Amino acid sequence: MHIPIQVSQTDPRPMYLQIKEQLRHRIAVGELQPGEEIPSIRALAVSTRVSVITIKRAYLELEHEGVILTRQGRGSFVAENANLGSHLQAQELDEQLTAAVHTAALLGIKGEALVERLREIERDLQKRQP
């Protein structure tokens, strides 16, 4: 099984966090389904050219968050929680919106002006869709 995970040396985030976030994203968007097996720690370490310890840390954090579960001798799997995808989608959206609010604040855009800008962007996107 191959899941394309990209680790960048120029990304300021730690490698384990890059891996963790990419796996969470793939689960959130439905690329990885509940109950689906994910690559072993060793297999992912080889394919990403990252240490086993780094992958293990990403998997442990995902396991503590309830995103994956590891069965001794069987492997690691996406958790069976039916609400996991929507929960991760909401969490990812919150992270993106938080970053947008920080950027807007740096540009001096706050409150209702930010909300109105978001509405404008949504209207523009709806016009472009067939």
Protein backbone atom coordinates (compact mmCIF):
# COMPACT_ATOMS: atom_id res chain seq x y z
CA MET A 1 0.00 0.00 0.00
CA HIS A 2 1.33 3.41 -0.95
CA ILE A 3 0.14 6.72 0.42
CA PRO A 4 2.01 9.66 -1.07
CA ILE A 5 3.43 11.63 1.83
CA GLN A 6 5.78 14.52 1.11
CA VAL A 7 8.27 15.68 3.74
CA SER A 8 10.03 18.95 3.10
CA GLN A 9 13.35 19.88 4.67
CA THR A 10 12.54 23.56 4.04
CA ASP A 11 9.21 23.42 5.89
CA PRO A 12 9.69 24.97 9.34
CA ARG A 13 7.36 22.41 10.91
CA PRO A 14 8.90 19.25 12.36
CA MET A 15 8.81 16.25 10.03
CA TYR A 16 6.55 14.22 12.32
CA LEU A 17 4.01 17.06 12.24
CA GLN A 18 4.11 17.25 8.44
CA ILE A 19 3.39 13.52 8.26
CA LYS A 20 0.69 13.67 10.92
CA GLU A 21 -1.10 16.55 9.19
CA GLN A 22 -0.99 14.88 5.78
CA LEU A 23 -2.46 11.65 7.15
CA ARG A 24 -5.18 13.58 9.01
CA HIS A 25 -5.99 15.48 5.82
CA ARG A 26 -6.32 12.27 3.80
CA ILE A 27 -8.70 10.87 6.41
CA ALA A 28 -10.68 14.14 6.58
CA VAL A 29 -11.27 14.24 2.82
CA GLY A 30 -12.13 10.53 2.64
CA GLU A 31 -9.04 9.27 0.84
CA LEU A 32 -8.53 6.94 3.77
CA GLN A 33 -11.71 5.30 5.07
CA PRO A 34 -12.55 4.06 8.58
CA GLY A 35 -11.05 0.62 9.11
CA GLU A 36 -8.59 1.02 6.24
CA GLU A 37 -5.04 -0.06 6.94
CA ILE A 38 -2.35 2.59 6.71
CA PRO A 39 1.31 1.85 5.90
CA SER A 40 3.41 0.30 8.63
CA ILE A 41 5.80 2.60 10.47
CA ARG A 42 8.77 0.97 8.75
CA ALA A 43 7.22 1.09 5.27
CA LEU A 44 6.36 4.78 5.62
CA ALA A 45 9.82 5.52 7.01
CA VAL A 46 11.39 3.91 3.94
CA SER A 47 9.09 5.64 1.42
CA THR A 48 9.55 9.09 3.00
CA ARG A 49 13.22 8.61 3.85
CA VAL A 50 12.50 9.62 7.43
CA SER A 51 13.52 7.79 10.59
CA VAL A 52 11.27 5.17 12.15
CA ILE A 53 11.23 7.27 15.33
CA THR A 54 9.77 10.25 13.44
CA ILE A 55 6.99 8.14 11.90
CA LYS A 56 6.31 6.47 15.24
CA ARG A 57 5.84 9.88 16.89
CA ALA A 58 3.34 10.93 14.19
CA TYR A 59 1.42 7.65 14.58
CA LEU A 60 1.43 7.88 18.39
CA GLU A 61 -0.04 11.39 18.28
CA LEU A 62 -2.69 10.30 15.78
CA GLU A 63 -3.49 7.36 18.03
CA HIS A 64 -3.81 9.60 21.11
CA GLU A 65 -6.20 11.83 19.14
CA GLY A 66 -8.30 8.79 18.24
CA VAL A 67 -7.62 9.17 14.52
CA ILE A 68 -5.88 5.82 14.09
CA LEU A 69 -5.50 2.69 16.14
CA THR A 70 -2.68 0.21 16.19
CA ARG A 71 -3.27 -3.49 16.69
CA GLN A 72 -0.19 -5.32 17.87
CA GLY A 73 1.00 -7.66 15.14
CA ARG A 74 -1.70 -6.54 12.68
CA GLY A 75 -0.82 -2.94 11.83
CA SER A 76 -2.31 0.54 12.05
CA PHE A 77 -5.79 1.43 10.83
CA VAL A 78 -8.01 4.47 10.45
CA ALA A 79 -10.28 4.56 13.50
CA GLU A 80 -13.81 3.22 12.96
CA ASN A 81 -15.42 6.33 14.48
CA ALA A 82 -18.14 7.32 11.97
CA ASN A 83 -17.87 11.03 12.80
CA LEU A 84 -14.11 11.10 12.37
CA GLY A 85 -14.15 12.54 8.85
CA SER A 86 -16.50 15.40 9.68
CA HIS A 87 -14.67 16.09 12.93
CA LEU A 88 -11.34 16.30 11.12
CA GLN A 89 -12.87 18.43 8.37
CA ALA A 90 -14.17 20.88 10.97
CA GLN A 91 -10.81 20.90 12.72
CA GLU A 92 -8.95 21.53 9.45
CA LEU A 93 -11.36 24.33 8.51
CA ASP A 94 -10.85 25.91 11.93
CA GLU A 95 -7.09 25.83 11.44
CA GLN A 96 -7.40 27.48 8.01
CA LEU A 97 -9.82 30.12 9.28
CA THR A 98 -7.58 30.87 12.27
CA ALA A 99 -4.67 31.45 9.90
CA ALA A 100 -6.90 33.69 7.73
CA VAL A 101 -7.95 35.74 10.77
CA HIS A 102 -4.31 36.20 11.78
CA THR A 103 -3.37 37.28 8.24
CA ALA A 104 -6.33 39.66 8.07
CA ALA A 105 -5.36 41.19 11.40
CA LEU A 106 -1.84 41.80 10.09
CA LEU A 107 -3.43 43.60 7.13
CA GLY A 108 -5.67 45.64 9.42
CA ILE A 109 -8.88 43.84 8.44
CA LYS A 110 -11.09 42.92 11.38
CA GLY A 111 -14.60 42.01 12.38
CA GLU A 112 -17.40 42.64 9.92
CA ALA A 113 -14.98 43.67 7.15
CA LEU A 114 -13.40 40.22 7.33
CA VAL A 115 -16.80 38.52 7.32
CA GLU A 116 -17.90 40.57 4.31
CA ARG A 117 -14.71 39.69 2.45
CA LEU A 118 -15.36 36.01 3.11
CA ARG A 119 -18.90 36.41 1.72
CA GLU A 120 -17.51 38.10 -1.41
CA ILE A 121 -15.08 35.25 -1.98
CA GLU A 122 -17.86 32.70 -1.53
CA ARG A 123 -20.09 34.55 -4.06
CA ASP A 124 -17.21 34.71 -6.56
CA LEU A 125 -16.58 30.98 -6.21
CA GLN A 126 -20.27 30.16 -6.66
CA LYS A 127 -20.38 32.21 -9.88
CA ARG A 128 -17.45 30.23 -11.31
CA GLN A 129 -19.02 26.83 -10.64
CA PRO A 130 -21.03 25.32 -13.51
